[in-house]
Amino acid sequence: MRQTISIISRKSHRWLINKIILNVTKMMHSQYQLERSYNIAEQFKDNMSRIIFEGTHFKRLSQQSATFEK
């Protein structure tokens, strides 16, 4: 009788451990996806800022060369 209870107890403990491992794995994957999407958004924002800056920078250079030519 005790041995049967012990086996059932081990199975329920193992089930609980597996459930915890599965939940932690899901949470880690969700965290990874969130961080990845955040990084992609940051890269996009940085790229847009760089394009805007470079565009104004090149405009300034072309404006300066136009004033020198006059």
N, C-alpha and C. Protein backbone atom coordinates (compact mmCIF):
# COMPACT_ATOMS: atom_id res chain seq x y z
N MET A 1 0.82 -1.20 0.00
CA MET A 1 0.00 0.00 0.00
C MET A 1 0.87 1.26 0.00
N ARG A 2 1.87 1.27 0.88
CA ARG A 2 2.76 2.44 0.95
C ARG A 2 3.52 2.63 -0.35
N GLN A 3 3.91 1.52 -0.95
CA GLN A 3 4.66 1.61 -2.19
C GLN A 3 3.79 2.22 -3.30
N THR A 4 2.53 1.86 -3.33
CA THR A 4 1.61 2.41 -4.32
C THR A 4 1.45 3.92 -4.10
N ILE A 5 1.30 4.33 -2.87
CA ILE A 5 1.18 5.76 -2.55
C ILE A 5 2.46 6.49 -2.93
N SER A 6 3.58 5.86 -2.68
CA SER A 6 4.87 6.45 -3.01
C SER A 6 5.01 6.66 -4.52
N ILE A 7 4.58 5.67 -5.30
CA ILE A 7 4.66 5.77 -6.76
C ILE A 7 3.74 6.88 -7.26
N ILE A 8 2.53 6.94 -6.72
CA ILE A 8 1.58 7.99 -7.10
C ILE A 8 2.14 9.35 -6.71
N SER A 9 2.73 9.42 -5.55
CA SER A 9 3.31 10.67 -5.08
C SER A 9 4.44 11.12 -6.00
N ARG A 10 5.29 10.20 -6.41
CA ARG A 10 6.39 10.54 -7.32
C ARG A 10 5.87 11.02 -8.67
N LYS A 11 4.82 10.35 -9.15
CA LYS A 11 4.25 10.75 -10.44
C LYS A 11 3.66 12.15 -10.35
N SER A 12 2.98 12.44 -9.25
CA SER A 12 2.39 13.77 -9.13
C SER A 12 3.47 14.83 -8.96
N HIS A 13 4.54 14.48 -8.26
CA HIS A 13 5.66 15.42 -8.12
C HIS A 13 6.32 15.65 -9.48
N ARG A 14 6.50 14.57 -10.22
CA ARG A 14 7.12 14.68 -11.54
C ARG A 14 6.24 15.51 -12.46
N TRP A 15 4.93 15.30 -12.38
CA TRP A 15 3.99 16.07 -13.20
C TRP A 15 4.11 17.56 -12.86
N LEU A 16 4.19 17.86 -11.58
CA LEU A 16 4.30 19.26 -11.15
C LEU A 16 5.62 19.87 -11.64
N ILE A 17 6.69 19.13 -11.53
CA ILE A 17 7.99 19.62 -11.99
C ILE A 17 7.96 19.87 -13.50
N ASN A 18 7.38 18.93 -14.25
CA ASN A 18 7.26 19.10 -15.70
C ASN A 18 6.42 20.33 -16.04
N LYS A 19 5.35 20.52 -15.30
CA LYS A 19 4.47 21.68 -15.53
C LYS A 19 5.23 22.98 -15.27
N ILE A 20 6.00 23.02 -14.20
CA ILE A 20 6.79 24.22 -13.88
C ILE A 20 7.83 24.48 -14.97
N ILE A 21 8.52 23.43 -15.40
CA ILE A 21 9.52 23.58 -16.46
C ILE A 21 8.87 24.10 -17.74
N LEU A 22 7.72 23.56 -18.08
CA LEU A 22 7.01 24.00 -19.29
C LEU A 22 6.61 25.47 -19.18
N ASN A 23 6.08 25.87 -18.03
CA ASN A 23 5.66 27.26 -17.85
C ASN A 23 6.85 28.22 -17.90
N VAL A 24 7.94 27.83 -17.28
CA VAL A 24 9.14 28.68 -17.30
C VAL A 24 9.67 28.80 -18.73
N THR A 25 9.65 27.70 -19.47
CA THR A 25 10.10 27.73 -20.86
C THR A 25 9.22 28.66 -21.69
N LYS A 26 7.91 28.59 -21.49
CA LYS A 26 6.99 29.47 -22.21
C LYS A 26 7.24 30.93 -21.86
N MET A 27 7.47 31.20 -20.58
CA MET A 27 7.73 32.57 -20.15
C MET A 27 9.03 33.09 -20.75
N MET A 28 10.06 32.25 -20.77
CA MET A 28 11.34 32.66 -21.34
C MET A 28 11.19 32.95 -22.83
N HIS A 29 10.42 32.13 -23.52
CA HIS A 29 10.21 32.34 -24.95
C HIS A 29 9.43 33.63 -25.19
N SER A 30 8.43 33.88 -24.36
CA SER A 30 7.67 35.13 -24.48
C SER A 30 8.57 36.33 -24.22
N GLN A 31 9.42 36.22 -23.21
CA GLN A 31 10.36 37.29 -22.89
C GLN A 31 11.30 37.53 -24.06
N TYR A 32 11.78 36.45 -24.67
CA TYR A 32 12.67 36.56 -25.83
C TYR A 32 11.97 37.27 -26.98
N GLN A 33 10.70 36.89 -27.24
CA GLN A 33 9.96 37.52 -28.33
C GLN A 33 9.74 39.00 -28.07
N LEU A 34 9.42 39.35 -26.82
CA LEU A 34 9.23 40.76 -26.48
C LEU A 34 10.52 41.55 -26.66
N GLU A 35 11.62 41.01 -26.17
CA GLU A 35 12.90 41.70 -26.30
C GLU A 35 13.30 41.83 -27.77
N ARG A 36 13.03 40.80 -28.54
CA ARG A 36 13.37 40.84 -29.96
C ARG A 36 12.55 41.91 -30.68
N SER A 37 11.25 41.94 -30.40
CA SER A 37 10.42 42.96 -31.06
C SER A 37 10.81 44.36 -30.59
N TYR A 38 11.19 44.49 -29.32
CA TYR A 38 11.64 45.79 -28.81
C TYR A 38 12.93 46.21 -29.51
N ASN A 39 13.85 45.26 -29.68
CA ASN A 39 15.12 45.57 -30.36
C ASN A 39 14.88 45.95 -31.81
N ILE A 40 13.97 45.25 -32.48
CA ILE A 40 13.66 45.58 -33.87
C ILE A 40 13.08 46.98 -33.95
N ALA A 41 12.18 47.31 -33.01
CA ALA A 41 11.58 48.65 -32.99
C ALA A 41 12.65 49.71 -32.72
N GLU A 42 13.56 49.43 -31.79
CA GLU A 42 14.63 50.38 -31.50
C GLU A 42 15.54 50.58 -32.71
N GLN A 43 15.87 49.48 -33.39
CA GLN A 43 16.71 49.59 -34.58
C GLN A 43 16.02 50.41 -35.66
N PHE A 44 14.72 50.19 -35.82
CA PHE A 44 13.96 50.94 -36.81
C PHE A 44 13.95 52.43 -36.46
N LYS A 45 13.72 52.71 -35.16
CA LYS A 45 13.69 54.10 -34.72
C LYS A 45 15.06 54.76 -34.92
N ASP A 46 16.13 54.05 -34.56
CA ASP A 46 17.48 54.58 -34.75
C ASP A 46 17.77 54.81 -36.23
N ASN A 47 17.35 53.87 -37.06
CA ASN A 47 17.58 53.99 -38.49
C ASN A 47 16.83 55.20 -39.05
N MET A 48 15.58 55.39 -38.62
CA MET A 48 14.81 56.54 -39.08
C MET A 48 15.45 57.84 -38.61
N SER A 49 15.92 57.87 -37.38
CA SER A 49 16.59 59.07 -36.86
C SER A 49 17.85 59.36 -37.66
N ARG A 50 18.59 58.31 -37.97
CA ARG A 50 19.83 58.46 -38.73
C ARG A 50 19.52 58.98 -40.13
N ILE A 51 18.48 58.45 -40.76
CA ILE A 51 18.11 58.90 -42.10
C ILE A 51 17.71 60.37 -42.07
N ILE A 52 16.92 60.75 -41.07
CA ILE A 52 16.49 62.14 -40.95
C ILE A 52 17.70 63.04 -40.72
N PHE A 53 18.60 62.62 -39.82
CA PHE A 53 19.79 63.41 -39.53
C PHE A 53 20.66 63.54 -40.78
N GLU A 54 20.90 62.41 -41.44
CA GLU A 54 21.75 62.44 -42.63
C GLU A 54 21.12 63.28 -43.72
N GLY A 55 19.80 63.23 -43.84
CA GLY A 55 19.11 64.03 -44.84
C GLY A 55 19.30 65.51 -44.58
N THR A 56 19.17 65.92 -43.31
CA THR A 56 19.35 67.34 -43.00
C THR A 56 20.82 67.71 -43.13
N HIS A 57 21.71 66.79 -42.78
CA HIS A 57 23.14 67.04 -42.89
C HIS A 57 23.53 67.26 -44.35
N PHE A 58 23.04 66.39 -45.23
CA PHE A 58 23.36 66.54 -46.64
C PHE A 58 22.73 67.81 -47.22
N LYS A 59 21.54 68.15 -46.73
CA LYS A 59 20.91 69.38 -47.19
C LYS A 59 21.78 70.57 -46.83
N ARG A 60 22.27 70.57 -45.62
CA ARG A 60 23.10 71.68 -45.18
C ARG A 60 24.35 71.79 -46.04
N LEU A 61 24.97 70.66 -46.34
CA LEU A 61 26.17 70.68 -47.17
C LEU A 61 25.85 71.21 -48.56
N SER A 62 24.74 70.77 -49.13
CA SER A 62 24.39 71.24 -50.47
C SER A 62 24.02 72.71 -50.44
N GLN A 63 23.39 73.16 -49.35
CA GLN A 63 23.06 74.58 -49.23
C GLN A 63 24.34 75.41 -49.11
N GLN A 64 25.31 74.88 -48.37
CA GLN A 64 26.57 75.60 -48.22
C GLN A 64 27.30 75.70 -49.55
N SER A 65 27.32 74.62 -50.30
CA SER A 65 28.01 74.66 -51.59
C SER A 65 27.29 75.59 -52.55
N ALA A 66 25.97 75.69 -52.45
CA ALA A 66 25.22 76.61 -53.31
C ALA A 66 25.55 78.05 -52.94
N THR A 67 25.73 78.35 -51.66
CA THR A 67 26.06 79.71 -51.26
C THR A 67 27.49 80.06 -51.66
N PHE A 68 28.39 79.07 -51.65
CA PHE A 68 29.76 79.34 -52.06
C PHE A 68 29.84 79.62 -53.56
N GLU A 69 28.98 78.97 -54.32
CA GLU A 69 29.00 79.14 -55.77
C GLU A 69 28.50 80.51 -56.18
N LYS A 70 27.61 81.10 -55.37
CA LYS A 70 27.02 82.40 -55.72
C LYS A 70 27.99 83.47 -55.56
